[in-house]
Amino acid sequence: MGIKRQQSVGRALLKAEITAKQARSINYQPGVAKLPLAKGLAELSFEGTPINSEQIAQLVGGGFLDNKRNIAFIGGTGRGVTFAG
């Protein structure tokens, strides 16, 4: 096998290892953060809160992504701002 071929194979293996390491890291992070695994919009109760449930339902639709807009939820501890449904 030629040197160029060996370098090409080595680069491919290195790229595959980096990709696998990044995937493991992404899969590991939610467990470390202790975030809820999965919840749906139907599991949220907006009663007695100032939250606009219609606006939340629109956000769940993901239209803000098409418009390349960001959203940020701000609130104190225990307010559910890390909820990812």
N, C-alpha and C. Protein backbone atom coordinates (compact mmCIF):
# COMPACT_ATOMS: atom_id res chain seq x y z
N MET A 1 0.86 -1.17 0.00
CA MET A 1 0.00 0.00 0.00
C MET A 1 0.91 1.23 0.00
N GLY A 2 0.59 2.22 -0.86
CA GLY A 2 1.39 3.42 -0.95
C GLY A 2 1.17 4.35 0.23
N ILE A 3 2.11 5.28 0.40
CA ILE A 3 2.03 6.24 1.51
C ILE A 3 0.79 7.11 1.40
N LYS A 4 0.47 7.58 0.18
CA LYS A 4 -0.73 8.42 0.03
C LYS A 4 -1.98 7.64 0.39
N ARG A 5 -2.03 6.37 0.01
CA ARG A 5 -3.19 5.53 0.32
C ARG A 5 -3.29 5.33 1.84
N GLN A 6 -2.17 5.11 2.50
CA GLN A 6 -2.17 4.94 3.95
C GLN A 6 -2.64 6.21 4.64
N GLN A 7 -2.19 7.37 4.16
CA GLN A 7 -2.62 8.63 4.76
C GLN A 7 -4.11 8.84 4.56
N SER A 8 -4.62 8.48 3.37
CA SER A 8 -6.04 8.63 3.08
C SER A 8 -6.89 7.74 4.00
N VAL A 9 -6.45 6.51 4.18
CA VAL A 9 -7.16 5.59 5.07
C VAL A 9 -7.08 6.09 6.51
N GLY A 10 -5.90 6.56 6.90
CA GLY A 10 -5.73 7.10 8.25
C GLY A 10 -6.65 8.28 8.51
N ARG A 11 -6.75 9.19 7.54
CA ARG A 11 -7.64 10.36 7.69
C ARG A 11 -9.10 9.92 7.81
N ALA A 12 -9.49 8.93 7.00
CA ALA A 12 -10.87 8.43 7.05
C ALA A 12 -11.18 7.81 8.41
N LEU A 13 -10.22 7.03 8.93
CA LEU A 13 -10.42 6.42 10.24
C LEU A 13 -10.48 7.49 11.34
N LEU A 14 -9.63 8.49 11.24
CA LEU A 14 -9.63 9.58 12.22
C LEU A 14 -10.95 10.35 12.18
N LYS A 15 -11.44 10.62 10.98
CA LYS A 15 -12.72 11.33 10.83
C LYS A 15 -13.86 10.50 11.42
N ALA A 16 -13.84 9.18 11.17
CA ALA A 16 -14.88 8.31 11.72
C ALA A 16 -14.83 8.29 13.25
N GLU A 17 -13.63 8.26 13.81
CA GLU A 17 -13.48 8.25 15.27
C GLU A 17 -13.98 9.56 15.87
N ILE A 18 -13.65 10.69 15.25
CA ILE A 18 -14.11 12.00 15.74
C ILE A 18 -15.63 12.07 15.69
N THR A 19 -16.22 11.61 14.60
CA THR A 19 -17.68 11.62 14.46
C THR A 19 -18.33 10.75 15.53
N ALA A 20 -17.77 9.56 15.77
CA ALA A 20 -18.32 8.67 16.80
C ALA A 20 -18.18 9.30 18.19
N LYS A 21 -17.06 9.94 18.46
CA LYS A 21 -16.86 10.58 19.76
C LYS A 21 -17.86 11.72 19.97
N GLN A 22 -18.11 12.51 18.93
CA GLN A 22 -19.09 13.60 19.03
C GLN A 22 -20.49 13.04 19.28
N ALA A 23 -20.84 11.94 18.62
CA ALA A 23 -22.16 11.32 18.82
C ALA A 23 -22.30 10.81 20.24
N ARG A 24 -21.25 10.18 20.78
CA ARG A 24 -21.30 9.70 22.17
C ARG A 24 -21.47 10.87 23.13
N SER A 25 -20.78 11.96 22.86
CA SER A 25 -20.87 13.13 23.72
C SER A 25 -22.28 13.71 23.72
N ILE A 26 -22.87 13.81 22.54
CA ILE A 26 -24.23 14.34 22.43
C ILE A 26 -25.22 13.44 23.17
N ASN A 27 -25.06 12.13 23.05
CA ASN A 27 -25.96 11.20 23.74
C ASN A 27 -25.75 11.21 25.24
N TYR A 28 -24.57 11.54 25.70
CA TYR A 28 -24.23 11.53 27.13
C TYR A 28 -24.75 12.79 27.85
N GLN A 29 -24.75 13.91 27.16
CA GLN A 29 -25.05 15.20 27.80
C GLN A 29 -26.43 15.29 28.45
N PRO A 30 -27.52 14.83 27.84
CA PRO A 30 -28.82 14.93 28.52
C PRO A 30 -28.86 14.20 29.85
N GLY A 31 -28.20 13.07 29.95
CA GLY A 31 -28.17 12.33 31.22
C GLY A 31 -27.43 13.10 32.29
N VAL A 32 -26.34 13.74 31.92
CA VAL A 32 -25.56 14.53 32.88
C VAL A 32 -26.38 15.73 33.34
N ALA A 33 -27.11 16.35 32.41
CA ALA A 33 -27.91 17.52 32.75
C ALA A 33 -29.15 17.15 33.55
N LYS A 34 -29.50 15.87 33.57
CA LYS A 34 -30.69 15.38 34.28
C LYS A 34 -31.98 16.04 33.80
N LEU A 35 -32.03 16.29 32.49
CA LEU A 35 -33.24 16.85 31.90
C LEU A 35 -34.28 15.74 31.75
N PRO A 36 -35.55 16.12 31.72
CA PRO A 36 -36.58 15.10 31.47
C PRO A 36 -36.34 14.46 30.09
N LEU A 37 -36.58 13.17 30.00
CA LEU A 37 -36.29 12.49 28.75
C LEU A 37 -37.19 12.94 27.62
N ALA A 38 -38.47 12.87 27.78
CA ALA A 38 -39.37 13.27 26.71
C ALA A 38 -40.74 13.60 27.30
N LYS A 39 -41.26 14.72 26.92
CA LYS A 39 -42.60 15.12 27.31
C LYS A 39 -43.24 15.79 26.11
N GLY A 40 -44.54 15.72 26.07
CA GLY A 40 -45.26 16.35 24.98
C GLY A 40 -46.04 17.56 25.46
N LEU A 41 -46.52 18.34 24.51
CA LEU A 41 -47.28 19.54 24.82
C LEU A 41 -48.53 19.21 25.63
N ALA A 42 -49.12 18.06 25.35
CA ALA A 42 -50.35 17.66 26.06
C ALA A 42 -50.11 17.46 27.55
N GLU A 43 -48.86 17.24 27.95
CA GLU A 43 -48.53 17.01 29.36
C GLU A 43 -48.35 18.31 30.14
N LEU A 44 -48.35 19.43 29.47
CA LEU A 44 -48.19 20.72 30.14
C LEU A 44 -49.54 21.28 30.57
N SER A 45 -49.56 21.89 31.73
CA SER A 45 -50.76 22.55 32.22
C SER A 45 -50.47 24.05 32.32
N PHE A 46 -51.24 24.84 31.62
CA PHE A 46 -51.04 26.28 31.63
C PHE A 46 -51.99 27.00 32.58
N GLU A 47 -52.87 26.24 33.22
CA GLU A 47 -53.84 26.85 34.13
C GLU A 47 -53.12 27.54 35.29
N GLY A 48 -53.58 28.73 35.60
CA GLY A 48 -53.02 29.49 36.71
C GLY A 48 -51.65 30.08 36.42
N THR A 49 -51.25 30.12 35.15
CA THR A 49 -49.97 30.71 34.79
C THR A 49 -50.21 31.84 33.79
N PRO A 50 -49.27 32.75 33.68
CA PRO A 50 -49.40 33.82 32.69
C PRO A 50 -48.95 33.39 31.29
N ILE A 51 -48.67 32.10 31.11
CA ILE A 51 -48.17 31.61 29.83
C ILE A 51 -49.28 31.57 28.80
N ASN A 52 -48.99 32.07 27.62
CA ASN A 52 -49.93 32.08 26.51
C ASN A 52 -49.84 30.71 25.81
N SER A 53 -50.79 29.83 26.08
CA SER A 53 -50.72 28.47 25.54
C SER A 53 -50.81 28.44 24.02
N GLU A 54 -51.55 29.39 23.43
CA GLU A 54 -51.64 29.44 21.97
C GLU A 54 -50.29 29.77 21.35
N GLN A 55 -49.56 30.68 21.99
CA GLN A 55 -48.25 31.04 21.48
C GLN A 55 -47.28 29.85 21.60
N ILE A 56 -47.37 29.12 22.70
CA ILE A 56 -46.53 27.93 22.87
C ILE A 56 -46.85 26.91 21.79
N ALA A 57 -48.13 26.71 21.49
CA ALA A 57 -48.52 25.77 20.44
C ALA A 57 -47.95 26.18 19.09
N GLN A 58 -47.89 27.49 18.82
CA GLN A 58 -47.29 27.97 17.58
C GLN A 58 -45.78 27.68 17.55
N LEU A 59 -45.13 27.86 18.70
CA LEU A 59 -43.69 27.60 18.77
C LEU A 59 -43.39 26.12 18.53
N VAL A 60 -44.26 25.26 19.04
CA VAL A 60 -44.07 23.82 18.85
C VAL A 60 -44.10 23.47 17.36
N GLY A 61 -44.84 24.24 16.59
CA GLY A 61 -44.90 24.03 15.15
C GLY A 61 -43.57 24.27 14.45
N GLY A 62 -42.67 25.01 15.08
CA GLY A 62 -41.33 25.22 14.53
C GLY A 62 -41.21 26.29 13.47
N GLY A 63 -42.23 27.11 13.29
CA GLY A 63 -42.17 28.16 12.28
C GLY A 63 -41.01 29.13 12.48
N PHE A 64 -40.60 29.32 13.73
CA PHE A 64 -39.49 30.23 14.00
C PHE A 64 -38.20 29.72 13.38
N LEU A 65 -38.10 28.41 13.16
CA LEU A 65 -36.91 27.85 12.52
C LEU A 65 -36.84 28.25 11.04
N ASP A 66 -37.99 28.21 10.37
CA ASP A 66 -38.03 28.61 8.97
C ASP A 66 -37.62 30.06 8.79
N ASN A 67 -37.98 30.88 9.77
CA ASN A 67 -37.65 32.31 9.72
C ASN A 67 -36.27 32.62 10.29
N LYS A 68 -35.56 31.56 10.69
CA LYS A 68 -34.21 31.69 11.28
C LYS A 68 -34.22 32.62 12.48
N ARG A 69 -35.21 32.37 13.37
CA ARG A 69 -35.35 33.16 14.60
C ARG A 69 -35.01 32.29 15.80
N ASN A 70 -34.53 32.92 16.86
CA ASN A 70 -34.24 32.23 18.11
C ASN A 70 -35.37 32.50 19.09
N ILE A 71 -35.52 31.61 20.06
CA ILE A 71 -36.43 31.85 21.15
C ILE A 71 -35.68 31.59 22.45
N ALA A 72 -36.06 32.29 23.49
CA ALA A 72 -35.44 32.10 24.80
C ALA A 72 -36.53 32.12 25.85
N PHE A 73 -36.51 31.12 26.72
CA PHE A 73 -37.44 31.08 27.84
C PHE A 73 -36.67 31.54 29.07
N ILE A 74 -37.22 32.48 29.77
CA ILE A 74 -36.56 33.04 30.94
C ILE A 74 -37.43 32.82 32.16
N GLY A 75 -36.84 32.34 33.23
CA GLY A 75 -37.60 32.13 34.45
C GLY A 75 -36.71 31.60 35.55
N GLY A 76 -37.21 31.68 36.74
CA GLY A 76 -36.46 31.23 37.90
C GLY A 76 -36.45 29.71 38.03
N THR A 77 -35.75 29.25 39.03
CA THR A 77 -35.65 27.83 39.31
C THR A 77 -37.03 27.22 39.53
N GLY A 78 -37.26 26.08 38.92
CA GLY A 78 -38.53 25.38 39.09
C GLY A 78 -39.66 25.90 38.22
N ARG A 79 -39.35 26.76 37.28
CA ARG A 79 -40.37 27.36 36.41
C ARG A 79 -40.54 26.63 35.09
N GLY A 80 -39.73 25.60 34.85
CA GLY A 80 -39.90 24.81 33.63
C GLY A 80 -39.27 25.38 32.40
N VAL A 81 -38.32 26.28 32.55
CA VAL A 81 -37.72 26.89 31.36
C VAL A 81 -36.76 25.95 30.64
N THR A 82 -36.41 24.83 31.26
CA THR A 82 -35.57 23.85 30.57
C THR A 82 -36.39 22.73 29.98
N PHE A 83 -37.70 22.83 30.05
CA PHE A 83 -38.57 21.79 29.50
C PHE A 83 -38.31 21.65 28.00
N ALA A 84 -38.03 20.45 27.57
CA ALA A 84 -37.82 20.18 26.15
C ALA A 84 -38.78 19.10 25.73
N GLY A 85 -39.81 19.48 25.06
CA GLY A 85 -40.82 18.50 24.69
C GLY A 85 -40.79 18.13 23.26
